[in-house]
Amino acid sequence: MIRRVVSGLIAALLLVSCGGLESIGQNTVRKISVGMPYIPNVQFAAFYVAKEQGFFAQEGLDVSFDYNFENDVVQRVATGAGIDFALASADTILLARAQNVPVKAVLATSQVFPVGFMSKQALTLATPADLKGKVIGIPGRFGASYFGLNAMLKSAGLTEADVTIQEIGFNQTPALIDDKVQIISGYVNNEPILLEKSGVAVNVLRVGDFYALGSDHLIVSEKFLVADRLVVQAFVRALKKGMQAAIDNPTAAHADALKQIPEAQHGDPAISMAVLTATTPMWQNTNSTLGSIQAAAWQNSADVLVSMGTLKQDADISAAYDLTVNE
């Protein structure tokens, strides 16, 4: 933690005049760890670009990435157990706060809920109502796929009793290819690309096309946000630059991402480039600035959780995010 020897007002003036944290604490560089909800992947290109192109460094931040599962990193952010920032979806954040886990969202890193449902083209799948009576494979009754399925059912006036859910683990693609299920869940910027590469033409029913839900957000602990607000603001500024740079030049962003994902260099660059190309539009909202938190989408997420019986009706939704950091 940076120990400032000047008053808060002078520190803020130094930050504005010099453009970063390096001017505070005798050129101290702040080490920051970011908890990721998945393995290294080009879907996180904004972070990799911000690191490779020096946007974090310009703010006096030395950033490293910690890859773990989503719920674990949320807890670690809250307790300060080696993680300063993390990524989590709005529904995960709301459920964590319902368990008195003190985290807040400070930036929307995606404006579109990433889950979709896919079938082979011979099966009609154009609206949520088409899910009725179908056998649907999801990893399990947890996480984004289960939440997304409930949102889709709710939008069509259906319930789980109207479909057959098979918990198939993270084997959705082969399960659909081998006709073990009729429909699978997946991320719309990943599974359809893999299926196409396998020669399987699919219908894709995107949750975000029918139900605006809170997607992935950058989170911090309430304690960190109060004690080190300047650090949080600096990180957000740098990450937004990374997001914009990736949007403006996906090819360069892909190259930056591969530098941070050594194992990806042994894979198919055409696939990872396709994933990135499908990902960057999901960060953008034509009606708001980059990274804006959408209160209505959060309310929709809360409504789905209430319908699932996992969140109380009177939950304070607005307390889960801070709209003033990304200004």
C-alpha atoms as a PDB file:
ATOM      1  CA  MET A   1       0.000   0.000   0.000  1.00  0.00           C
ATOM      2  CA  ILE A   2       1.307   3.460  -0.853  1.00  0.00           C
ATOM      3  CA  ARG A   3       2.010   5.519   2.270  1.00  0.00           C
ATOM      4  CA  ARG A   4       1.551   9.125   1.290  1.00  0.00           C
ATOM      5  CA  VAL A   5       3.563  11.731   3.183  1.00  0.00           C
ATOM      6  CA  VAL A   6       1.527  14.585   1.759  1.00  0.00           C
ATOM      7  CA  SER A   7      -2.054  15.556   2.419  1.00  0.00           C
ATOM      8  CA  GLY A   8      -4.875  13.979   0.397  1.00  0.00           C
ATOM      9  CA  LEU A   9      -5.454  17.256  -1.424  1.00  0.00           C
ATOM     10  CA  ILE A  10      -1.805  17.633  -2.448  1.00  0.00           C
ATOM     11  CA  ALA A  11      -1.685  13.979  -3.487  1.00  0.00           C
ATOM     12  CA  ALA A  12      -4.713  14.467  -5.709  1.00  0.00           C
ATOM     13  CA  LEU A  13      -3.125  17.542  -7.284  1.00  0.00           C
ATOM     14  CA  LEU A  14       0.075  15.634  -7.936  1.00  0.00           C
ATOM     15  CA  LEU A  15      -1.887  12.827  -9.573  1.00  0.00           C
ATOM     16  CA  VAL A  16      -3.657  15.246 -11.894  1.00  0.00           C
ATOM     17  CA  SER A  17      -0.544  17.228 -12.783  1.00  0.00           C
ATOM     18  CA  CYS A  18       1.734  14.272 -13.356  1.00  0.00           C
ATOM     19  CA  GLY A  19      -0.806  11.833 -14.803  1.00  0.00           C
ATOM     20  CA  GLY A  20      -0.198   8.804 -12.617  1.00  0.00           C
ATOM     21  CA  LEU A  21       0.623   7.264  -9.289  1.00  0.00           C
ATOM     22  CA  GLU A  22       4.366   7.232  -9.907  1.00  0.00           C
ATOM     23  CA  SER A  23       4.584  10.812  -8.630  1.00  0.00           C
ATOM     24  CA  ILE A  24       3.298   9.774  -5.226  1.00  0.00           C
ATOM     25  CA  GLY A  25       5.455   8.199  -2.542  1.00  0.00           C
ATOM     26  CA  GLN A  26       8.822   9.015  -4.095  1.00  0.00           C
ATOM     27  CA  ASN A  27       8.234   7.271  -7.436  1.00  0.00           C
ATOM     28  CA  THR A  28       6.842   4.148  -5.799  1.00  0.00           C
ATOM     29  CA  VAL A  29       5.282   1.698  -8.241  1.00  0.00           C
ATOM     30  CA  ARG A  30       2.225  -0.024  -6.842  1.00  0.00           C
ATOM     31  CA  LYS A  31       2.049  -3.786  -7.345  1.00  0.00           C
ATOM     32  CA  ILE A  32      -1.463  -4.905  -8.253  1.00  0.00           C
ATOM     33  CA  SER A  33      -2.890  -8.403  -8.623  1.00  0.00           C
ATOM     34  CA  VAL A  34      -6.015  -9.070 -10.676  1.00  0.00           C
ATOM     35  CA  GLY A  35      -8.084 -12.183 -10.098  1.00  0.00           C
ATOM     36  CA  MET A  36      -9.379 -13.705 -13.331  1.00  0.00           C
ATOM     37  CA  PRO A  37     -12.427 -16.009 -13.440  1.00  0.00           C
ATOM     38  CA  TYR A  38     -10.980 -18.336 -16.086  1.00  0.00           C
ATOM     39  CA  ILE A  39      -7.759 -19.591 -17.624  1.00  0.00           C
ATOM     40  CA  PRO A  40      -5.638 -17.162 -19.715  1.00  0.00           C
ATOM     41  CA  ASN A  41      -7.733 -16.276 -22.754  1.00  0.00           C
ATOM     42  CA  VAL A  42      -7.967 -13.632 -25.467  1.00  0.00           C
ATOM     43  CA  GLN A  43     -11.336 -12.667 -23.983  1.00  0.00           C
ATOM     44  CA  PHE A  44      -9.250 -10.751 -21.420  1.00  0.00           C
ATOM     45  CA  ALA A  45      -7.361  -8.881 -24.134  1.00  0.00           C
ATOM     46  CA  ALA A  46      -8.148  -5.447 -22.657  1.00  0.00           C
ATOM     47  CA  PHE A  47      -6.055  -6.318 -19.605  1.00  0.00           C
ATOM     48  CA  TYR A  48      -3.223  -7.719 -21.680  1.00  0.00           C
ATOM     49  CA  VAL A  49      -3.188  -4.687 -23.968  1.00  0.00           C
ATOM     50  CA  ALA A  50      -3.133  -2.328 -20.986  1.00  0.00           C
ATOM     51  CA  LYS A  51      -0.106  -4.191 -19.669  1.00  0.00           C
ATOM     52  CA  GLU A  52       1.774  -4.695 -22.940  1.00  0.00           C
ATOM     53  CA  GLN A  53       1.200  -1.161 -24.212  1.00  0.00           C
ATOM     54  CA  GLY A  54       2.210   0.402 -20.912  1.00  0.00           C
ATOM     55  CA  PHE A  55      -1.133   1.894 -19.868  1.00  0.00           C
ATOM     56  CA  PHE A  56      -0.870   0.359 -16.394  1.00  0.00           C
ATOM     57  CA  ALA A  57       2.763   1.421 -16.086  1.00  0.00           C
ATOM     58  CA  GLN A  58       1.844   4.990 -17.019  1.00  0.00           C
ATOM     59  CA  GLU A  59      -0.407   5.033 -13.971  1.00  0.00           C
ATOM     60  CA  GLY A  60       2.345   3.702 -11.716  1.00  0.00           C
ATOM     61  CA  LEU A  61       0.895   0.191 -11.585  1.00  0.00           C
ATOM     62  CA  ASP A  62       2.794  -3.084 -11.897  1.00  0.00           C
ATOM     63  CA  VAL A  63      -0.034  -5.505 -12.710  1.00  0.00           C
ATOM     64  CA  SER A  64      -0.032  -9.288 -12.524  1.00  0.00           C
ATOM     65  CA  PHE A  65      -2.841 -11.756 -13.199  1.00  0.00           C
ATOM     66  CA  ASP A  66      -4.103 -14.523 -10.947  1.00  0.00           C
ATOM     67  CA  TYR A  67      -6.262 -17.170 -12.624  1.00  0.00           C
ATOM     68  CA  ASN A  68      -8.821 -18.925 -10.504  1.00  0.00           C
ATOM     69  CA  PHE A  69     -12.532 -19.627 -10.328  1.00  0.00           C
ATOM     70  CA  GLU A  70     -14.955 -16.723 -10.111  1.00  0.00           C
ATOM     71  CA  ASN A  71     -16.432 -17.290  -6.650  1.00  0.00           C
ATOM     72  CA  ASP A  72     -12.991 -17.804  -5.131  1.00  0.00           C
ATOM     73  CA  VAL A  73     -11.588 -14.540  -6.471  1.00  0.00           C
ATOM     74  CA  VAL A  74     -14.622 -12.618  -5.214  1.00  0.00           C
ATOM     75  CA  GLN A  75     -13.953 -13.865  -1.711  1.00  0.00           C
ATOM     76  CA  ARG A  76     -10.267 -13.106  -2.021  1.00  0.00           C
ATOM     77  CA  VAL A  77     -10.937  -9.564  -3.197  1.00  0.00           C
ATOM     78  CA  ALA A  78     -13.256  -9.023  -0.254  1.00  0.00           C
ATOM     79  CA  THR A  79     -10.714 -10.243   2.278  1.00  0.00           C
ATOM     80  CA  GLY A  80      -7.660  -8.734   0.600  1.00  0.00           C
ATOM     81  CA  ALA A  81      -6.096 -12.188   0.290  1.00  0.00           C
ATOM     82  CA  GLY A  82      -3.551 -11.337  -2.388  1.00  0.00           C
ATOM     83  CA  ILE A  83      -6.074  -9.971  -4.910  1.00  0.00           C
ATOM     84  CA  ASP A  84      -6.796  -6.272  -5.426  1.00  0.00           C
ATOM     85  CA  PHE A  85      -9.229  -6.434  -8.356  1.00  0.00           C
ATOM     86  CA  ALA A  86     -11.254  -9.203  -9.948  1.00  0.00           C
ATOM     87  CA  LEU A  87     -13.847  -9.874 -12.615  1.00  0.00           C
ATOM     88  CA  ALA A  88     -17.326 -11.066 -11.736  1.00  0.00           C
ATOM     89  CA  SER A  89     -20.795 -10.931 -13.229  1.00  0.00           C
ATOM     90  CA  ALA A  90     -23.571  -8.834 -11.709  1.00  0.00           C
ATOM     91  CA  ASP A  91     -25.483 -11.889 -10.463  1.00  0.00           C
ATOM     92  CA  THR A  92     -22.369 -13.245  -8.739  1.00  0.00           C
ATOM     93  CA  ILE A  93     -21.745  -9.882  -7.085  1.00  0.00           C
ATOM     94  CA  LEU A  94     -25.354  -9.593  -5.892  1.00  0.00           C
ATOM     95  CA  LEU A  95     -25.293 -13.084  -4.407  1.00  0.00           C
ATOM     96  CA  ALA A  96     -21.954 -12.388  -2.721  1.00  0.00           C
ATOM     97  CA  ARG A  97     -23.236  -9.183  -1.165  1.00  0.00           C
ATOM     98  CA  ALA A  98     -26.340 -11.027   0.028  1.00  0.00           C
ATOM     99  CA  GLN A  99     -23.891 -13.149   2.035  1.00  0.00           C
ATOM    100  CA  ASN A 100     -22.293  -9.960   3.443  1.00  0.00           C
ATOM    101  CA  VAL A 101     -19.258 -10.161   1.171  1.00  0.00           C
ATOM    102  CA  PRO A 102     -18.215  -6.468   0.897  1.00  0.00           C
ATOM    103  CA  VAL A 103     -17.361  -6.007  -2.790  1.00  0.00           C
ATOM    104  CA  LYS A 104     -18.439  -3.363  -5.293  1.00  0.00           C
ATOM    105  CA  ALA A 105     -18.388  -3.099  -9.071  1.00  0.00           C
ATOM    106  CA  VAL A 106     -16.563  -0.047 -10.413  1.00  0.00           C
ATOM    107  CA  LEU A 107     -16.487  -0.674 -14.175  1.00  0.00           C
ATOM    108  CA  ALA A 108     -18.508  -2.748 -16.640  1.00  0.00           C
ATOM    109  CA  THR A 109     -15.979  -4.716 -18.673  1.00  0.00           C
ATOM    110  CA  SER A 110     -18.797  -6.140 -20.813  1.00  0.00           C
ATOM    111  CA  GLN A 111     -22.185  -4.731 -21.739  1.00  0.00           C
ATOM    112  CA  VAL A 112     -23.664  -7.985 -23.053  1.00  0.00           C
ATOM    113  CA  PHE A 113     -24.357 -11.095 -21.007  1.00  0.00           C
ATOM    114  CA  PRO A 114     -22.116 -13.639 -22.741  1.00  0.00           C
ATOM    115  CA  VAL A 115     -24.165 -16.829 -22.463  1.00  0.00           C
ATOM    116  CA  GLY A 116     -26.186 -18.269 -25.297  1.00  0.00           C
ATOM    117  CA  PHE A 117     -27.880 -21.522 -26.244  1.00  0.00           C
ATOM    118  CA  MET A 118     -26.958 -23.494 -29.330  1.00  0.00           C
ATOM    119  CA  SER A 119     -28.544 -26.250 -31.364  1.00  0.00           C
ATOM    120  CA  LYS A 120     -27.827 -27.917 -34.644  1.00  0.00           C
ATOM    121  CA  GLN A 121     -29.534 -26.085 -37.473  1.00  0.00           C
ATOM    122  CA  ALA A 122     -32.071 -28.853 -38.069  1.00  0.00           C
ATOM    123  CA  LEU A 123     -33.724 -27.948 -34.760  1.00  0.00           C
ATOM    124  CA  THR A 124     -35.784 -24.754 -34.566  1.00  0.00           C
ATOM    125  CA  LEU A 125     -34.217 -22.372 -32.064  1.00  0.00           C
ATOM    126  CA  ALA A 126     -35.092 -18.748 -32.719  1.00  0.00           C
ATOM    127  CA  THR A 127     -36.770 -17.491 -29.533  1.00  0.00           C
ATOM    128  CA  PRO A 128     -36.761 -18.458 -25.850  1.00  0.00           C
ATOM    129  CA  ALA A 129     -40.152 -20.124 -26.364  1.00  0.00           C
ATOM    130  CA  ASP A 130     -38.387 -22.699 -28.562  1.00  0.00           C
ATOM    131  CA  LEU A 131     -36.637 -24.060 -25.471  1.00  0.00           C
ATOM    132  CA  LYS A 132     -39.881 -25.667 -24.301  1.00  0.00           C
ATOM    133  CA  GLY A 133     -39.765 -29.449 -24.277  1.00  0.00           C
ATOM    134  CA  LYS A 134     -36.093 -29.604 -25.233  1.00  0.00           C
ATOM    135  CA  VAL A 135     -33.189 -31.460 -23.631  1.00  0.00           C
ATOM    136  CA  ILE A 136     -30.677 -28.792 -22.616  1.00  0.00           C
ATOM    137  CA  GLY A 137     -27.119 -29.517 -21.545  1.00  0.00           C
ATOM    138  CA  ILE A 138     -25.470 -27.130 -19.095  1.00  0.00           C
ATOM    139  CA  PRO A 139     -22.375 -27.575 -16.894  1.00  0.00           C
ATOM    140  CA  GLY A 140     -24.571 -27.776 -13.799  1.00  0.00           C
ATOM    141  CA  ARG A 141     -27.133 -25.929 -11.738  1.00  0.00           C
ATOM    142  CA  PHE A 142     -24.717 -23.128 -10.968  1.00  0.00           C
ATOM    143  CA  GLY A 143     -22.928 -20.262 -12.636  1.00  0.00           C
ATOM    144  CA  ALA A 144     -23.625 -18.187 -15.730  1.00  0.00           C
ATOM    145  CA  SER A 145     -25.218 -20.930 -17.845  1.00  0.00           C
ATOM    146  CA  TYR A 146     -27.806 -21.870 -15.220  1.00  0.00           C
ATOM    147  CA  PHE A 147     -28.539 -18.219 -14.495  1.00  0.00           C
ATOM    148  CA  GLY A 148     -28.806 -17.452 -18.213  1.00  0.00           C
ATOM    149  CA  LEU A 149     -31.142 -20.396 -18.754  1.00  0.00           C
ATOM    150  CA  ASN A 150     -33.443 -19.159 -16.005  1.00  0.00           C
ATOM    151  CA  ALA A 151     -33.449 -15.698 -17.559  1.00  0.00           C
ATOM    152  CA  MET A 152     -34.450 -17.123 -20.923  1.00  0.00           C
ATOM    153  CA  LEU A 153     -37.176 -19.284 -19.414  1.00  0.00           C
ATOM    154  CA  LYS A 154     -38.500 -16.316 -17.457  1.00  0.00           C
ATOM    155  CA  SER A 155     -38.596 -14.144 -20.575  1.00  0.00           C
ATOM    156  CA  ALA A 156     -40.799 -16.757 -22.291  1.00  0.00           C
ATOM    157  CA  GLY A 157     -43.050 -17.406 -19.305  1.00  0.00           C
ATOM    158  CA  LEU A 158     -41.522 -20.861 -18.840  1.00  0.00           C
ATOM    159  CA  THR A 159     -40.020 -22.670 -15.851  1.00  0.00           C
ATOM    160  CA  GLU A 160     -37.487 -25.458 -15.418  1.00  0.00           C
ATOM    161  CA  ALA A 161     -40.399 -27.890 -15.462  1.00  0.00           C
ATOM    162  CA  ASP A 162     -40.904 -27.037 -19.138  1.00  0.00           C
ATOM    163  CA  VAL A 163     -37.472 -28.331 -20.180  1.00  0.00           C
ATOM    164  CA  THR A 164     -35.204 -31.261 -19.407  1.00  0.00           C
ATOM    165  CA  ILE A 165     -31.916 -30.107 -17.934  1.00  0.00           C
ATOM    166  CA  GLN A 166     -28.913 -32.399 -18.174  1.00  0.00           C
ATOM    167  CA  GLU A 167     -25.858 -31.494 -16.125  1.00  0.00           C
ATOM    168  CA  ILE A 168     -22.995 -32.446 -18.443  1.00  0.00           C
ATOM    169  CA  GLY A 169     -20.031 -30.576 -16.974  1.00  0.00           C
ATOM    170  CA  PHE A 170     -17.910 -28.446 -19.255  1.00  0.00           C
ATOM    171  CA  ASN A 171     -18.384 -30.794 -22.198  1.00  0.00           C
ATOM    172  CA  GLN A 172     -21.015 -28.879 -24.094  1.00  0.00           C
ATOM    173  CA  THR A 173     -19.423 -28.912 -27.548  1.00  0.00           C
ATOM    174  CA  PRO A 174     -18.891 -32.694 -27.836  1.00  0.00           C
ATOM    175  CA  ALA A 175     -22.289 -33.309 -26.235  1.00  0.00           C
ATOM    176  CA  LEU A 176     -23.991 -31.388 -29.033  1.00  0.00           C
ATOM    177  CA  ILE A 177     -21.835 -32.862 -31.775  1.00  0.00           C
ATOM    178  CA  ASP A 178     -22.635 -36.400 -30.555  1.00  0.00           C
ATOM    179  CA  ASP A 179     -26.367 -35.619 -30.123  1.00  0.00           C
ATOM    180  CA  LYS A 180     -26.332 -36.374 -26.410  1.00  0.00           C
ATOM    181  CA  VAL A 181     -28.478 -33.280 -25.897  1.00  0.00           C
ATOM    182  CA  GLN A 182     -30.536 -31.115 -28.247  1.00  0.00           C
ATOM    183  CA  ILE A 183     -29.312 -27.770 -26.986  1.00  0.00           C
ATOM    184  CA  ILE A 184     -26.219 -26.656 -25.111  1.00  0.00           C
ATOM    185  CA  SER A 185     -25.261 -23.549 -23.200  1.00  0.00           C
ATOM    186  CA  GLY A 186     -22.051 -21.740 -23.997  1.00  0.00           C
ATOM    187  CA  TYR A 187     -20.389 -18.403 -24.404  1.00  0.00           C
ATOM    188  CA  VAL A 188     -21.502 -16.766 -27.626  1.00  0.00           C
ATOM    189  CA  ASN A 189     -17.962 -15.601 -28.351  1.00  0.00           C
ATOM    190  CA  ASN A 190     -16.490 -19.084 -27.973  1.00  0.00           C
ATOM    191  CA  GLU A 191     -18.613 -22.229 -28.462  1.00  0.00           C
ATOM    192  CA  PRO A 192     -20.178 -21.237 -31.816  1.00  0.00           C
ATOM    193  CA  ILE A 193     -16.676 -20.623 -33.167  1.00  0.00           C
ATOM    194  CA  LEU A 194     -15.449 -24.011 -31.966  1.00  0.00           C
ATOM    195  CA  LEU A 195     -18.505 -25.758 -33.384  1.00  0.00           C
ATOM    196  CA  GLU A 196     -18.070 -24.072 -36.745  1.00  0.00           C
ATOM    197  CA  LYS A 197     -14.421 -25.139 -36.736  1.00  0.00           C
ATOM    198  CA  SER A 198     -15.665 -28.706 -36.179  1.00  0.00           C
ATOM    199  CA  GLY A 199     -17.943 -28.417 -39.191  1.00  0.00           C
ATOM    200  CA  VAL A 200     -21.170 -28.156 -37.221  1.00  0.00           C
ATOM    201  CA  ALA A 201     -23.562 -25.382 -38.278  1.00  0.00           C
ATOM    202  CA  VAL A 202     -25.601 -24.118 -35.345  1.00  0.00           C
ATOM    203  CA  ASN A 203     -28.410 -21.833 -34.325  1.00  0.00           C
ATOM    204  CA  VAL A 204     -27.406 -19.418 -31.570  1.00  0.00           C
ATOM    205  CA  LEU A 205     -29.930 -18.011 -29.114  1.00  0.00           C
ATOM    206  CA  ARG A 206     -28.196 -15.143 -27.316  1.00  0.00           C
ATOM    207  CA  VAL A 207     -29.470 -14.290 -23.846  1.00  0.00           C
ATOM    208  CA  GLY A 208     -28.494 -10.664 -24.376  1.00  0.00           C
ATOM    209  CA  ASP A 209     -30.808 -10.366 -27.384  1.00  0.00           C
ATOM    210  CA  PHE A 210     -33.850 -11.089 -25.220  1.00  0.00           C
ATOM    211  CA  TYR A 211     -32.907 -10.079 -21.696  1.00  0.00           C
ATOM    212  CA  ALA A 212     -30.504  -7.274 -20.738  1.00  0.00           C
ATOM    213  CA  LEU A 213     -28.562  -8.624 -17.775  1.00  0.00           C
ATOM    214  CA  GLY A 214     -25.577  -7.285 -15.884  1.00  0.00           C
ATOM    215  CA  SER A 215     -22.506  -8.899 -17.416  1.00  0.00           C
ATOM    216  CA  ASP A 216     -18.863  -8.906 -16.278  1.00  0.00           C
ATOM    217  CA  HIS A 217     -17.601  -6.122 -14.033  1.00  0.00           C
ATOM    218  CA  LEU A 218     -14.369  -5.076 -12.409  1.00  0.00           C
ATOM    219  CA  ILE A 219     -14.757  -5.392  -8.641  1.00  0.00           C
ATOM    220  CA  VAL A 220     -12.876  -4.225  -5.568  1.00  0.00           C
ATOM    221  CA  SER A 221     -13.457  -4.539  -1.857  1.00  0.00           C
ATOM    222  CA  GLU A 222     -15.326  -1.718  -0.160  1.00  0.00           C
ATOM    223  CA  LYS A 223     -12.318  -1.214   2.104  1.00  0.00           C
ATOM    224  CA  PHE A 224      -9.888  -0.891  -0.805  1.00  0.00           C
ATOM    225  CA  LEU A 225     -12.212   1.499  -2.624  1.00  0.00           C
ATOM    226  CA  VAL A 226     -12.283   3.842   0.373  1.00  0.00           C
ATOM    227  CA  ALA A 227      -8.626   3.552   1.380  1.00  0.00           C
ATOM    228  CA  ASP A 228      -7.091   3.600  -2.116  1.00  0.00           C
ATOM    229  CA  ARG A 229      -9.596   5.307  -4.347  1.00  0.00           C
ATOM    230  CA  LEU A 230      -6.839   6.966  -6.407  1.00  0.00           C
ATOM    231  CA  VAL A 231      -5.397   3.530  -7.183  1.00  0.00           C
ATOM    232  CA  VAL A 232      -8.808   2.256  -8.233  1.00  0.00           C
ATOM    233  CA  GLN A 233      -9.334   5.265 -10.486  1.00  0.00           C
ATOM    234  CA  ALA A 234      -5.875   4.847 -12.011  1.00  0.00           C
ATOM    235  CA  PHE A 235      -6.508   1.179 -12.737  1.00  0.00           C
ATOM    236  CA  VAL A 236      -9.871   1.967 -14.345  1.00  0.00           C
ATOM    237  CA  ARG A 237      -8.314   4.660 -16.551  1.00  0.00           C
ATOM    238  CA  ALA A 238      -5.616   2.276 -17.763  1.00  0.00           C
ATOM    239  CA  LEU A 239      -8.017  -0.603 -18.360  1.00  0.00           C
ATOM    240  CA  LYS A 240     -10.366   1.598 -20.384  1.00  0.00           C
ATOM    241  CA  LYS A 241      -7.418   2.577 -22.566  1.00  0.00           C
ATOM    242  CA  GLY A 242      -6.730  -1.113 -23.061  1.00  0.00           C
ATOM    243  CA  MET A 243     -10.361  -1.744 -23.996  1.00  0.00           C
ATOM    244  CA  GLN A 244     -10.402   1.093 -26.507  1.00  0.00           C
ATOM    245  CA  ALA A 245      -7.061   0.091 -28.038  1.00  0.00           C
ATOM    246  CA  ALA A 246      -8.318  -3.477 -28.533  1.00  0.00           C
ATOM    247  CA  ILE A 247     -11.515  -2.192 -30.127  1.00  0.00           C
ATOM    248  CA  ASP A 248      -9.571   0.111 -32.440  1.00  0.00           C
ATOM    249  CA  ASN A 249      -6.932  -2.430 -33.456  1.00  0.00           C
ATOM    250  CA  PRO A 250      -7.927  -6.065 -32.793  1.00  0.00           C
ATOM    251  CA  THR A 251      -4.932  -7.414 -34.705  1.00  0.00           C
ATOM    252  CA  ALA A 252      -2.442  -5.608 -32.452  1.00  0.00           C
ATOM    253  CA  ALA A 253      -4.503  -6.559 -29.401  1.00  0.00           C
ATOM    254  CA  HIS A 254      -4.375 -10.208 -30.452  1.00  0.00           C
ATOM    255  CA  ALA A 255      -0.584 -10.035 -30.664  1.00  0.00           C
ATOM    256  CA  ASP A 256      -0.422  -8.432 -27.203  1.00  0.00           C
ATOM    257  CA  ALA A 257      -2.720 -11.105 -25.790  1.00  0.00           C
ATOM    258  CA  LEU A 258      -0.596 -13.942 -27.154  1.00  0.00           C
ATOM    259  CA  LYS A 259       2.429 -12.484 -25.325  1.00  0.00           C
ATOM    260  CA  GLN A 260       0.495 -12.976 -22.081  1.00  0.00           C
ATOM    261  CA  ILE A 261      -0.800 -16.426 -23.067  1.00  0.00           C
ATOM    262  CA  PRO A 262       2.248 -18.507 -24.046  1.00  0.00           C
ATOM    263  CA  GLU A 263       0.219 -21.703 -24.481  1.00  0.00           C
ATOM    264  CA  ALA A 264      -2.070 -19.967 -26.997  1.00  0.00           C
ATOM    265  CA  GLN A 265       0.846 -19.620 -29.380  1.00  0.00           C
ATOM    266  CA  HIS A 266       0.687 -23.390 -29.904  1.00  0.00           C
ATOM    267  CA  GLY A 267      -3.001 -23.253 -30.812  1.00  0.00           C
ATOM    268  CA  ASP A 268      -4.864 -22.024 -33.857  1.00  0.00           C
ATOM    269  CA  PRO A 269      -4.406 -18.243 -34.135  1.00  0.00           C
ATOM    270  CA  ALA A 270      -7.387 -18.027 -36.465  1.00  0.00           C
ATOM    271  CA  ILE A 271      -9.656 -19.329 -33.692  1.00  0.00           C
ATOM    272  CA  SER A 272      -8.269 -17.016 -31.014  1.00  0.00           C
ATOM    273  CA  MET A 273      -8.556 -14.069 -33.408  1.00  0.00           C
ATOM    274  CA  ALA A 274     -12.165 -15.028 -34.141  1.00  0.00           C
ATOM    275  CA  VAL A 275     -12.887 -15.183 -30.403  1.00  0.00           C
ATOM    276  CA  LEU A 276     -11.393 -11.727 -29.903  1.00  0.00           C
ATOM    277  CA  THR A 277     -13.323 -10.326 -32.874  1.00  0.00           C
ATOM    278  CA  ALA A 278     -16.534 -11.683 -31.354  1.00  0.00           C
ATOM    279  CA  THR A 279     -15.629 -10.346 -27.913  1.00  0.00           C
ATOM    280  CA  THR A 280     -14.833  -6.661 -28.405  1.00  0.00           C
ATOM    281  CA  PRO A 281     -18.339  -5.664 -29.602  1.00  0.00           C
ATOM    282  CA  MET A 282     -19.661  -7.015 -26.302  1.00  0.00           C
ATOM    283  CA  TRP A 283     -17.694  -4.354 -24.408  1.00  0.00           C
ATOM    284  CA  GLN A 284     -19.529  -1.524 -26.132  1.00  0.00           C
ATOM    285  CA  ASN A 285     -22.858   0.204 -25.660  1.00  0.00           C
ATOM    286  CA  THR A 286     -23.778   2.813 -28.242  1.00  0.00           C
ATOM    287  CA  ASN A 287     -25.923   4.663 -25.694  1.00  0.00           C
ATOM    288  CA  SER A 288     -23.239   5.172 -23.044  1.00  0.00           C
ATOM    289  CA  THR A 289     -19.522   5.617 -22.487  1.00  0.00           C
ATOM    290  CA  LEU A 290     -17.092   2.715 -22.389  1.00  0.00           C
ATOM    291  CA  GLY A 291     -17.311   0.840 -19.116  1.00  0.00           C
ATOM    292  CA  SER A 292     -20.592   2.370 -17.968  1.00  0.00           C
ATOM    293  CA  ILE A 293     -22.537   0.375 -15.386  1.00  0.00           C
ATOM    294  CA  GLN A 294     -26.156  -0.133 -16.466  1.00  0.00           C
ATOM    295  CA  ALA A 295     -28.509   0.080 -13.481  1.00  0.00           C
ATOM    296  CA  ALA A 296     -31.447  -1.382 -15.420  1.00  0.00           C
ATOM    297  CA  ALA A 297     -29.444  -4.487 -16.350  1.00  0.00           C
ATOM    298  CA  TRP A 298     -28.510  -4.976 -12.700  1.00  0.00           C
ATOM    299  CA  GLN A 299     -32.166  -4.757 -11.722  1.00  0.00           C
ATOM    300  CA  ASN A 300     -33.004  -7.364 -14.355  1.00  0.00           C
ATOM    301  CA  SER A 301     -30.322  -9.658 -12.944  1.00  0.00           C
ATOM    302  CA  ALA A 302     -31.768  -9.186  -9.474  1.00  0.00           C
ATOM    303  CA  ASP A 303     -35.270  -9.981 -10.739  1.00  0.00           C
ATOM    304  CA  VAL A 304     -34.068 -13.280 -12.208  1.00  0.00           C
ATOM    305  CA  LEU A 305     -32.282 -14.195  -8.976  1.00  0.00           C
ATOM    306  CA  VAL A 306     -35.436 -13.406  -6.997  1.00  0.00           C
ATOM    307  CA  SER A 307     -37.465 -15.635  -9.316  1.00  0.00           C
ATOM    308  CA  MET A 308     -34.908 -18.399  -8.730  1.00  0.00           C
ATOM    309  CA  GLY A 309     -35.317 -17.981  -4.967  1.00  0.00           C
ATOM    310  CA  THR A 310     -31.644 -17.116  -4.419  1.00  0.00           C
ATOM    311  CA  LEU A 311     -32.007 -13.394  -3.667  1.00  0.00           C
ATOM    312  CA  LYS A 312     -34.410 -11.538  -1.403  1.00  0.00           C
ATOM    313  CA  GLN A 313     -36.889  -9.155  -2.969  1.00  0.00           C
ATOM    314  CA  ASP A 314     -35.668  -6.194  -0.888  1.00  0.00           C
ATOM    315  CA  ALA A 315     -31.952  -6.454  -1.782  1.00  0.00           C
ATOM    316  CA  ASP A 316     -30.265  -3.053  -2.192  1.00  0.00           C
ATOM    317  CA  ILE A 317     -29.099  -3.316  -5.800  1.00  0.00           C
ATOM    318  CA  SER A 318     -27.528   0.129  -6.126  1.00  0.00           C
ATOM    319  CA  ALA A 319     -25.213  -0.544  -3.177  1.00  0.00           C
ATOM    320  CA  ALA A 320     -23.481  -3.216  -5.256  1.00  0.00           C
ATOM    321  CA  TYR A 321     -21.806  -0.748  -7.604  1.00  0.00           C
ATOM    322  CA  ASP A 322     -20.144   2.674  -7.599  1.00  0.00           C
ATOM    323  CA  LEU A 323     -21.009   4.886 -10.560  1.00  0.00           C
ATOM    324  CA  THR A 324     -18.555   7.636  -9.639  1.00  0.00           C
ATOM    325  CA  VAL A 325     -15.260   5.830 -10.300  1.00  0.00           C
ATOM    326  CA  ASN A 326     -15.689   5.727 -14.079  1.00  0.00           C
ATOM    327  CA  GLU A 327     -16.252   9.425 -14.706  1.00  0.00           C
END
